[in-house]
Amino acid sequence: MKKYTIEEACKELGITRQMLNVKCRKLEIKKEKIGRSSYISPQQLKKLKGGKTTPTSKGDDKKTSGGSANVDERLIERLVAENDYLKKKLDEEGDKVKGSLNVIFQQTERITKLEADNTRLLPFSDPNEIENEEETQPSLMSRLFGKKGK
Protein backbone atom coordinates (compact mmCIF):
# COMPACT_ATOMS: atom_id res chain seq x y z
CA MET A 1 0.00 0.00 0.00
CA LYS A 2 1.45 3.34 -1.08
CA LYS A 3 1.91 6.06 1.50
CA TYR A 4 2.10 9.73 0.66
CA THR A 5 4.64 12.02 2.26
CA ILE A 6 3.39 15.33 3.58
CA GLU A 7 4.93 17.15 0.60
CA GLU A 8 3.26 14.78 -1.86
CA ALA A 9 -0.08 15.15 -0.11
CA CYS A 10 0.23 18.95 -0.21
CA LYS A 11 0.97 18.84 -3.96
CA GLU A 12 -1.92 16.46 -4.56
CA LEU A 13 -4.34 18.66 -2.63
CA GLY A 14 -2.87 21.94 -3.84
CA ILE A 15 -2.55 23.35 -0.33
CA THR A 16 0.23 24.39 2.01
CA ARG A 17 1.70 22.25 4.75
CA GLN A 18 0.03 24.44 7.36
CA MET A 19 -3.38 24.04 5.74
CA LEU A 20 -2.85 20.28 5.57
CA ASN A 21 -2.19 20.21 9.32
CA VAL A 22 -5.36 22.23 9.95
CA LYS A 23 -7.45 19.85 7.82
CA CYS A 24 -5.93 16.81 9.52
CA ARG A 25 -6.83 18.18 12.94
CA LYS A 26 -10.32 19.14 11.83
CA LEU A 27 -11.01 15.72 10.27
CA GLU A 28 -9.18 13.92 13.10
CA ILE A 29 -6.72 12.29 10.71
CA LYS A 30 -3.66 10.80 12.38
CA LYS A 31 -0.49 10.93 10.32
CA GLU A 32 1.78 7.91 10.49
CA LYS A 33 5.21 8.90 11.70
CA ILE A 34 8.20 6.84 10.65
CA GLY A 35 11.50 8.25 11.85
CA ARG A 36 11.55 11.95 11.10
CA SER A 37 8.97 11.77 8.29
CA SER A 38 5.19 11.66 8.44
CA TYR A 39 2.98 9.81 5.95
CA ILE A 40 -0.68 9.76 4.94
CA SER A 41 -2.49 6.72 3.57
CA PRO A 42 -4.49 6.84 0.31
CA GLN A 43 -7.74 6.57 2.31
CA GLN A 44 -6.75 9.53 4.46
CA LEU A 45 -5.83 11.51 1.34
CA LYS A 46 -9.29 10.74 -0.13
CA LYS A 47 -10.88 11.96 3.08
CA LEU A 48 -8.79 15.13 2.89
CA LYS A 49 -9.86 15.61 -0.75
CA GLY A 50 -13.46 15.41 0.34
CA GLY A 51 -14.36 11.83 -0.60
CA LYS A 52 -15.70 10.87 2.81
CA THR A 53 -16.30 14.21 4.47
CA THR A 54 -19.48 15.04 6.26
CA PRO A 55 -21.70 17.90 5.14
CA THR A 56 -20.87 19.84 8.30
CA SER A 57 -17.14 19.73 7.65
CA LYS A 58 -17.68 20.97 4.08
CA GLY A 59 -19.73 23.82 5.45
CA ASP A 60 -16.96 24.56 7.93
CA ASP A 61 -14.45 24.69 5.07
CA LYS A 62 -16.60 27.24 3.26
CA LYS A 63 -16.92 29.34 6.40
CA THR A 64 -13.18 29.20 6.90
CA SER A 65 -12.34 30.21 3.36
CA GLY A 66 -14.94 32.98 3.32
CA GLY A 67 -13.90 34.00 6.78
CA SER A 68 -10.26 34.20 5.81
CA ALA A 69 -11.10 36.72 3.08
CA ASN A 70 -13.07 38.68 5.64
CA VAL A 71 -10.18 38.41 8.10
CA ASP A 72 -7.76 39.54 5.38
CA GLU A 73 -9.93 42.59 4.68
CA ARG A 74 -10.11 43.43 8.38
CA LEU A 75 -6.34 43.07 8.72
CA ILE A 76 -5.77 45.28 5.69
CA GLU A 77 -8.16 47.91 7.07
CA ARG A 78 -6.40 47.76 10.42
CA LEU A 79 -2.98 48.15 8.82
CA VAL A 80 -4.19 51.07 6.71
CA ALA A 81 -5.63 52.74 9.83
CA GLU A 82 -2.37 52.18 11.74
CA ASN A 83 -0.41 53.54 8.79
CA ASP A 84 -2.56 56.68 8.69
CA TYR A 85 -2.20 57.12 12.46
CA LEU A 86 1.59 56.78 12.26
CA LYS A 87 1.78 59.26 9.36
CA LYS A 88 -0.26 61.75 11.42
CA LYS A 89 2.04 61.26 14.44
CA LEU A 90 5.10 61.69 12.24
CA ASP A 91 3.71 64.96 10.85
CA GLU A 92 3.01 66.20 14.40
CA GLU A 93 6.54 65.32 15.51
CA GLY A 94 7.91 67.04 12.41
CA ASP A 95 5.99 70.20 13.32
CA LYS A 96 7.38 70.06 16.87
CA VAL A 97 10.91 69.71 15.52
CA LYS A 98 10.37 72.66 13.15
CA GLY A 99 9.11 74.76 16.07
CA SER A 100 12.13 73.81 18.18
CA LEU A 101 14.49 74.67 15.32
CA ASN A 102 12.81 78.07 14.95
CA VAL A 103 13.41 78.81 18.63
CA ILE A 104 17.05 77.72 18.31
CA PHE A 105 17.59 79.94 15.25
CA GLN A 106 15.95 82.92 16.98
CA GLN A 107 18.12 82.48 20.06
CA THR A 108 21.24 82.13 17.91
CA GLU A 109 20.41 85.38 16.12
CA ARG A 110 19.77 87.08 19.46
CA ILE A 111 23.11 85.89 20.86
CA THR A 112 24.91 87.10 17.74
CA LYS A 113 23.23 90.52 18.05
CA LEU A 114 24.07 90.77 21.75
CA GLU A 115 27.69 89.85 21.06
CA ALA A 116 27.87 92.54 18.36
CA ASP A 117 26.36 95.13 20.73
CA ASN A 118 28.75 94.07 23.47
CA THR A 119 31.85 94.43 21.28
CA ARG A 120 30.62 97.81 20.04
CA LEU A 121 30.03 99.14 23.56
CA LEU A 122 33.22 97.80 25.15
CA PRO A 123 36.53 98.35 23.41
CA PHE A 124 38.45 95.15 22.98
CA SER A 125 40.93 94.79 25.78
CA ASP A 126 42.38 92.15 28.00
CA PRO A 127 40.32 91.54 31.17
CA ASN A 128 43.50 92.00 33.24
CA GLU A 129 44.01 95.45 31.73
CA ILE A 130 40.47 96.47 32.74
CA GLU A 131 41.24 95.53 36.36
CA ASN A 132 44.61 97.33 36.21
CA GLU A 133 42.94 100.47 34.83
CA GLU A 134 40.65 100.65 37.86
CA GLU A 135 43.67 100.34 40.18
CA THR A 136 45.79 102.81 38.25
CA GLN A 137 43.12 105.50 37.82
CA PRO A 138 43.34 106.84 41.41
CA SER A 139 47.11 106.99 41.19
CA LEU A 140 46.88 108.85 37.90
CA MET A 141 44.36 111.24 39.42
CA SER A 142 46.58 111.74 42.43
CA ARG A 143 49.49 112.56 40.13
CA LEU A 144 47.51 115.17 38.28
CA PHE A 145 45.88 116.80 41.28
CA GLY A 146 48.50 116.09 43.86
CA LYS A 147 48.66 113.39 46.44
CA LYS A 148 46.20 113.56 49.28
CA GLY A 149 46.77 111.98 52.59
CA LYS A 150 50.46 112.95 53.03
C-alpha atoms as a PDB file:
ATOM      1  CA  MET A   1       0.000   0.000   0.000  1.00  0.00           C
ATOM      2  CA  LYS A   2       1.447   3.337  -1.084  1.00  0.00           C
ATOM      3  CA  LYS A   3       1.914   6.057   1.499  1.00  0.00           C
ATOM      4  CA  TYR A   4       2.097   9.731   0.663  1.00  0.00           C
ATOM      5  CA  THR A   5       4.641  12.022   2.261  1.00  0.00           C
ATOM      6  CA  ILE A   6       3.392  15.330   3.581  1.00  0.00           C
ATOM      7  CA  GLU A   7       4.931  17.150   0.603  1.00  0.00           C
ATOM      8  CA  GLU A   8       3.264  14.775  -1.863  1.00  0.00           C
ATOM      9  CA  ALA A   9      -0.084  15.149  -0.107  1.00  0.00           C
ATOM     10  CA  CYS A  10       0.229  18.945  -0.209  1.00  0.00           C
ATOM     11  CA  LYS A  11       0.971  18.839  -3.960  1.00  0.00           C
ATOM     12  CA  GLU A  12      -1.920  16.457  -4.564  1.00  0.00           C
ATOM     13  CA  LEU A  13      -4.343  18.661  -2.633  1.00  0.00           C
ATOM     14  CA  GLY A  14      -2.868  21.942  -3.840  1.00  0.00           C
ATOM     15  CA  ILE A  15      -2.552  23.349  -0.328  1.00  0.00           C
ATOM     16  CA  THR A  16       0.226  24.386   2.011  1.00  0.00           C
ATOM     17  CA  ARG A  17       1.704  22.247   4.748  1.00  0.00           C
ATOM     18  CA  GLN A  18       0.034  24.438   7.358  1.00  0.00           C
ATOM     19  CA  MET A  19      -3.375  24.040   5.738  1.00  0.00           C
ATOM     20  CA  LEU A  20      -2.853  20.276   5.570  1.00  0.00           C
ATOM     21  CA  ASN A  21      -2.187  20.215   9.319  1.00  0.00           C
ATOM     22  CA  VAL A  22      -5.363  22.233   9.953  1.00  0.00           C
ATOM     23  CA  LYS A  23      -7.448  19.854   7.824  1.00  0.00           C
ATOM     24  CA  CYS A  24      -5.932  16.809   9.517  1.00  0.00           C
ATOM     25  CA  ARG A  25      -6.826  18.177  12.945  1.00  0.00           C
ATOM     26  CA  LYS A  26     -10.316  19.140  11.825  1.00  0.00           C
ATOM     27  CA  LEU A  27     -11.014  15.721  10.275  1.00  0.00           C
ATOM     28  CA  GLU A  28      -9.178  13.917  13.096  1.00  0.00           C
ATOM     29  CA  ILE A  29      -6.722  12.289  10.705  1.00  0.00           C
ATOM     30  CA  LYS A  30      -3.656  10.797  12.382  1.00  0.00           C
ATOM     31  CA  LYS A  31      -0.492  10.928  10.320  1.00  0.00           C
ATOM     32  CA  GLU A  32       1.778   7.914  10.491  1.00  0.00           C
ATOM     33  CA  LYS A  33       5.206   8.902  11.703  1.00  0.00           C
ATOM     34  CA  ILE A  34       8.203   6.836  10.645  1.00  0.00           C
ATOM     35  CA  GLY A  35      11.502   8.249  11.846  1.00  0.00           C
ATOM     36  CA  ARG A  36      11.550  11.950  11.103  1.00  0.00           C
ATOM     37  CA  SER A  37       8.974  11.773   8.292  1.00  0.00           C
ATOM     38  CA  SER A  38       5.191  11.661   8.442  1.00  0.00           C
ATOM     39  CA  TYR A  39       2.982   9.808   5.952  1.00  0.00           C
ATOM     40  CA  ILE A  40      -0.676   9.762   4.944  1.00  0.00           C
ATOM     41  CA  SER A  41      -2.486   6.716   3.569  1.00  0.00           C
ATOM     42  CA  PRO A  42      -4.493   6.844   0.311  1.00  0.00           C
ATOM     43  CA  GLN A  43      -7.743   6.573   2.310  1.00  0.00           C
ATOM     44  CA  GLN A  44      -6.753   9.532   4.457  1.00  0.00           C
ATOM     45  CA  LEU A  45      -5.834  11.505   1.344  1.00  0.00           C
ATOM     46  CA  LYS A  46      -9.292  10.737  -0.131  1.00  0.00           C
ATOM     47  CA  LYS A  47     -10.876  11.961   3.083  1.00  0.00           C
ATOM     48  CA  LEU A  48      -8.788  15.128   2.885  1.00  0.00           C
ATOM     49  CA  LYS A  49      -9.857  15.613  -0.753  1.00  0.00           C
ATOM     50  CA  GLY A  50     -13.458  15.415   0.337  1.00  0.00           C
ATOM     51  CA  GLY A  51     -14.358  11.830  -0.602  1.00  0.00           C
ATOM     52  CA  LYS A  52     -15.704  10.870   2.807  1.00  0.00           C
ATOM     53  CA  THR A  53     -16.301  14.206   4.470  1.00  0.00           C
ATOM     54  CA  THR A  54     -19.479  15.036   6.264  1.00  0.00           C
ATOM     55  CA  PRO A  55     -21.700  17.902   5.143  1.00  0.00           C
ATOM     56  CA  THR A  56     -20.869  19.839   8.300  1.00  0.00           C
ATOM     57  CA  SER A  57     -17.143  19.729   7.649  1.00  0.00           C
ATOM     58  CA  LYS A  58     -17.680  20.972   4.076  1.00  0.00           C
ATOM     59  CA  GLY A  59     -19.732  23.820   5.451  1.00  0.00           C
ATOM     60  CA  ASP A  60     -16.958  24.562   7.927  1.00  0.00           C
ATOM     61  CA  ASP A  61     -14.448  24.687   5.073  1.00  0.00           C
ATOM     62  CA  LYS A  62     -16.596  27.240   3.264  1.00  0.00           C
ATOM     63  CA  LYS A  63     -16.917  29.338   6.404  1.00  0.00           C
ATOM     64  CA  THR A  64     -13.175  29.202   6.903  1.00  0.00           C
ATOM     65  CA  SER A  65     -12.339  30.215   3.355  1.00  0.00           C
ATOM     66  CA  GLY A  66     -14.936  32.984   3.317  1.00  0.00           C
ATOM     67  CA  GLY A  67     -13.898  33.997   6.782  1.00  0.00           C
ATOM     68  CA  SER A  68     -10.261  34.202   5.811  1.00  0.00           C
ATOM     69  CA  ALA A  69     -11.100  36.717   3.083  1.00  0.00           C
ATOM     70  CA  ASN A  70     -13.068  38.677   5.644  1.00  0.00           C
ATOM     71  CA  VAL A  71     -10.176  38.413   8.100  1.00  0.00           C
ATOM     72  CA  ASP A  72      -7.756  39.544   5.378  1.00  0.00           C
ATOM     73  CA  GLU A  73      -9.927  42.592   4.680  1.00  0.00           C
ATOM     74  CA  ARG A  74     -10.112  43.431   8.378  1.00  0.00           C
ATOM     75  CA  LEU A  75      -6.342  43.072   8.723  1.00  0.00           C
ATOM     76  CA  ILE A  76      -5.766  45.283   5.689  1.00  0.00           C
ATOM     77  CA  GLU A  77      -8.157  47.909   7.068  1.00  0.00           C
ATOM     78  CA  ARG A  78      -6.399  47.755  10.425  1.00  0.00           C
ATOM     79  CA  LEU A  79      -2.982  48.146   8.816  1.00  0.00           C
ATOM     80  CA  VAL A  80      -4.192  51.071   6.714  1.00  0.00           C
ATOM     81  CA  ALA A  81      -5.627  52.737   9.835  1.00  0.00           C
ATOM     82  CA  GLU A  82      -2.374  52.177  11.744  1.00  0.00           C
ATOM     83  CA  ASN A  83      -0.409  53.538   8.794  1.00  0.00           C
ATOM     84  CA  ASP A  84      -2.563  56.680   8.694  1.00  0.00           C
ATOM     85  CA  TYR A  85      -2.195  57.121  12.463  1.00  0.00           C
ATOM     86  CA  LEU A  86       1.595  56.780  12.259  1.00  0.00           C
ATOM     87  CA  LYS A  87       1.776  59.258   9.364  1.00  0.00           C
ATOM     88  CA  LYS A  88      -0.256  61.751  11.417  1.00  0.00           C
ATOM     89  CA  LYS A  89       2.040  61.259  14.440  1.00  0.00           C
ATOM     90  CA  LEU A  90       5.101  61.689  12.237  1.00  0.00           C
ATOM     91  CA  ASP A  91       3.712  64.961  10.851  1.00  0.00           C
ATOM     92  CA  GLU A  92       3.012  66.201  14.403  1.00  0.00           C
ATOM     93  CA  GLU A  93       6.541  65.320  15.512  1.00  0.00           C
ATOM     94  CA  GLY A  94       7.915  67.039  12.415  1.00  0.00           C
ATOM     95  CA  ASP A  95       5.990  70.202  13.315  1.00  0.00           C
ATOM     96  CA  LYS A  96       7.385  70.055  16.867  1.00  0.00           C
ATOM     97  CA  VAL A  97      10.914  69.710  15.517  1.00  0.00           C
ATOM     98  CA  LYS A  98      10.373  72.660  13.148  1.00  0.00           C
ATOM     99  CA  GLY A  99       9.109  74.756  16.073  1.00  0.00           C
ATOM    100  CA  SER A 100      12.132  73.814  18.177  1.00  0.00           C
ATOM    101  CA  LEU A 101      14.491  74.667  15.323  1.00  0.00           C
ATOM    102  CA  ASN A 102      12.806  78.065  14.946  1.00  0.00           C
ATOM    103  CA  VAL A 103      13.408  78.807  18.629  1.00  0.00           C
ATOM    104  CA  ILE A 104      17.048  77.719  18.308  1.00  0.00           C
ATOM    105  CA  PHE A 105      17.588  79.943  15.254  1.00  0.00           C
ATOM    106  CA  GLN A 106      15.945  82.921  16.976  1.00  0.00           C
ATOM    107  CA  GLN A 107      18.119  82.482  20.062  1.00  0.00           C
ATOM    108  CA  THR A 108      21.237  82.125  17.910  1.00  0.00           C
ATOM    109  CA  GLU A 109      20.410  85.382  16.122  1.00  0.00           C
ATOM    110  CA  ARG A 110      19.767  87.080  19.464  1.00  0.00           C
ATOM    111  CA  ILE A 111      23.108  85.887  20.855  1.00  0.00           C
ATOM    112  CA  THR A 112      24.914  87.098  17.737  1.00  0.00           C
ATOM    113  CA  LYS A 113      23.228  90.515  18.048  1.00  0.00           C
ATOM    114  CA  LEU A 114      24.074  90.771  21.752  1.00  0.00           C
ATOM    115  CA  GLU A 115      27.692  89.853  21.061  1.00  0.00           C
ATOM    116  CA  ALA A 116      27.872  92.540  18.362  1.00  0.00           C
ATOM    117  CA  ASP A 117      26.357  95.128  20.728  1.00  0.00           C
ATOM    118  CA  ASN A 118      28.754  94.070  23.475  1.00  0.00           C
ATOM    119  CA  THR A 119      31.848  94.426  21.276  1.00  0.00           C
ATOM    120  CA  ARG A 120      30.616  97.814  20.044  1.00  0.00           C
ATOM    121  CA  LEU A 121      30.032  99.141  23.562  1.00  0.00           C
ATOM    122  CA  LEU A 122      33.222  97.801  25.147  1.00  0.00           C
ATOM    123  CA  PRO A 123      36.526  98.345  23.413  1.00  0.00           C
ATOM    124  CA  PHE A 124      38.450  95.154  22.976  1.00  0.00           C
ATOM    125  CA  SER A 125      40.929  94.789  25.777  1.00  0.00           C
ATOM    126  CA  ASP A 126      42.380  92.146  27.997  1.00  0.00           C
ATOM    127  CA  PRO A 127      40.317  91.540  31.165  1.00  0.00           C
ATOM    128  CA  ASN A 128      43.500  92.004  33.236  1.00  0.00           C
ATOM    129  CA  GLU A 129      44.009  95.452  31.729  1.00  0.00           C
ATOM    130  CA  ILE A 130      40.473  96.475  32.744  1.00  0.00           C
ATOM    131  CA  GLU A 131      41.239  95.527  36.361  1.00  0.00           C
ATOM    132  CA  ASN A 132      44.609  97.332  36.205  1.00  0.00           C
ATOM    133  CA  GLU A 133      42.940 100.472  34.831  1.00  0.00           C
ATOM    134  CA  GLU A 134      40.654 100.649  37.861  1.00  0.00           C
ATOM    135  CA  GLU A 135      43.667 100.342  40.183  1.00  0.00           C
ATOM    136  CA  THR A 136      45.794 102.814  38.245  1.00  0.00           C
ATOM    137  CA  GLN A 137      43.121 105.498  37.821  1.00  0.00           C
ATOM    138  CA  PRO A 138      43.340 106.839  41.409  1.00  0.00           C
ATOM    139  CA  SER A 139      47.109 106.989  41.193  1.00  0.00           C
ATOM    140  CA  LEU A 140      46.881 108.846  37.897  1.00  0.00           C
ATOM    141  CA  MET A 141      44.363 111.244  39.420  1.00  0.00           C
ATOM    142  CA  SER A 142      46.577 111.740  42.427  1.00  0.00           C
ATOM    143  CA  ARG A 143      49.489 112.564  40.134  1.00  0.00           C
ATOM    144  CA  LEU A 144      47.511 115.174  38.283  1.00  0.00           C
ATOM    145  CA  PHE A 145      45.879 116.797  41.278  1.00  0.00           C
ATOM    146  CA  GLY A 146      48.504 116.087  43.860  1.00  0.00           C
ATOM    147  CA  LYS A 147      48.658 113.386  46.439  1.00  0.00           C
ATOM    148  CA  LYS A 148      46.199 113.556  49.278  1.00  0.00           C
ATOM    149  CA  GLY A 149      46.769 111.982  52.587  1.00  0.00           C
ATOM    150  CA  LYS A 150      50.461 112.950  53.026  1.00  0.00           C
END
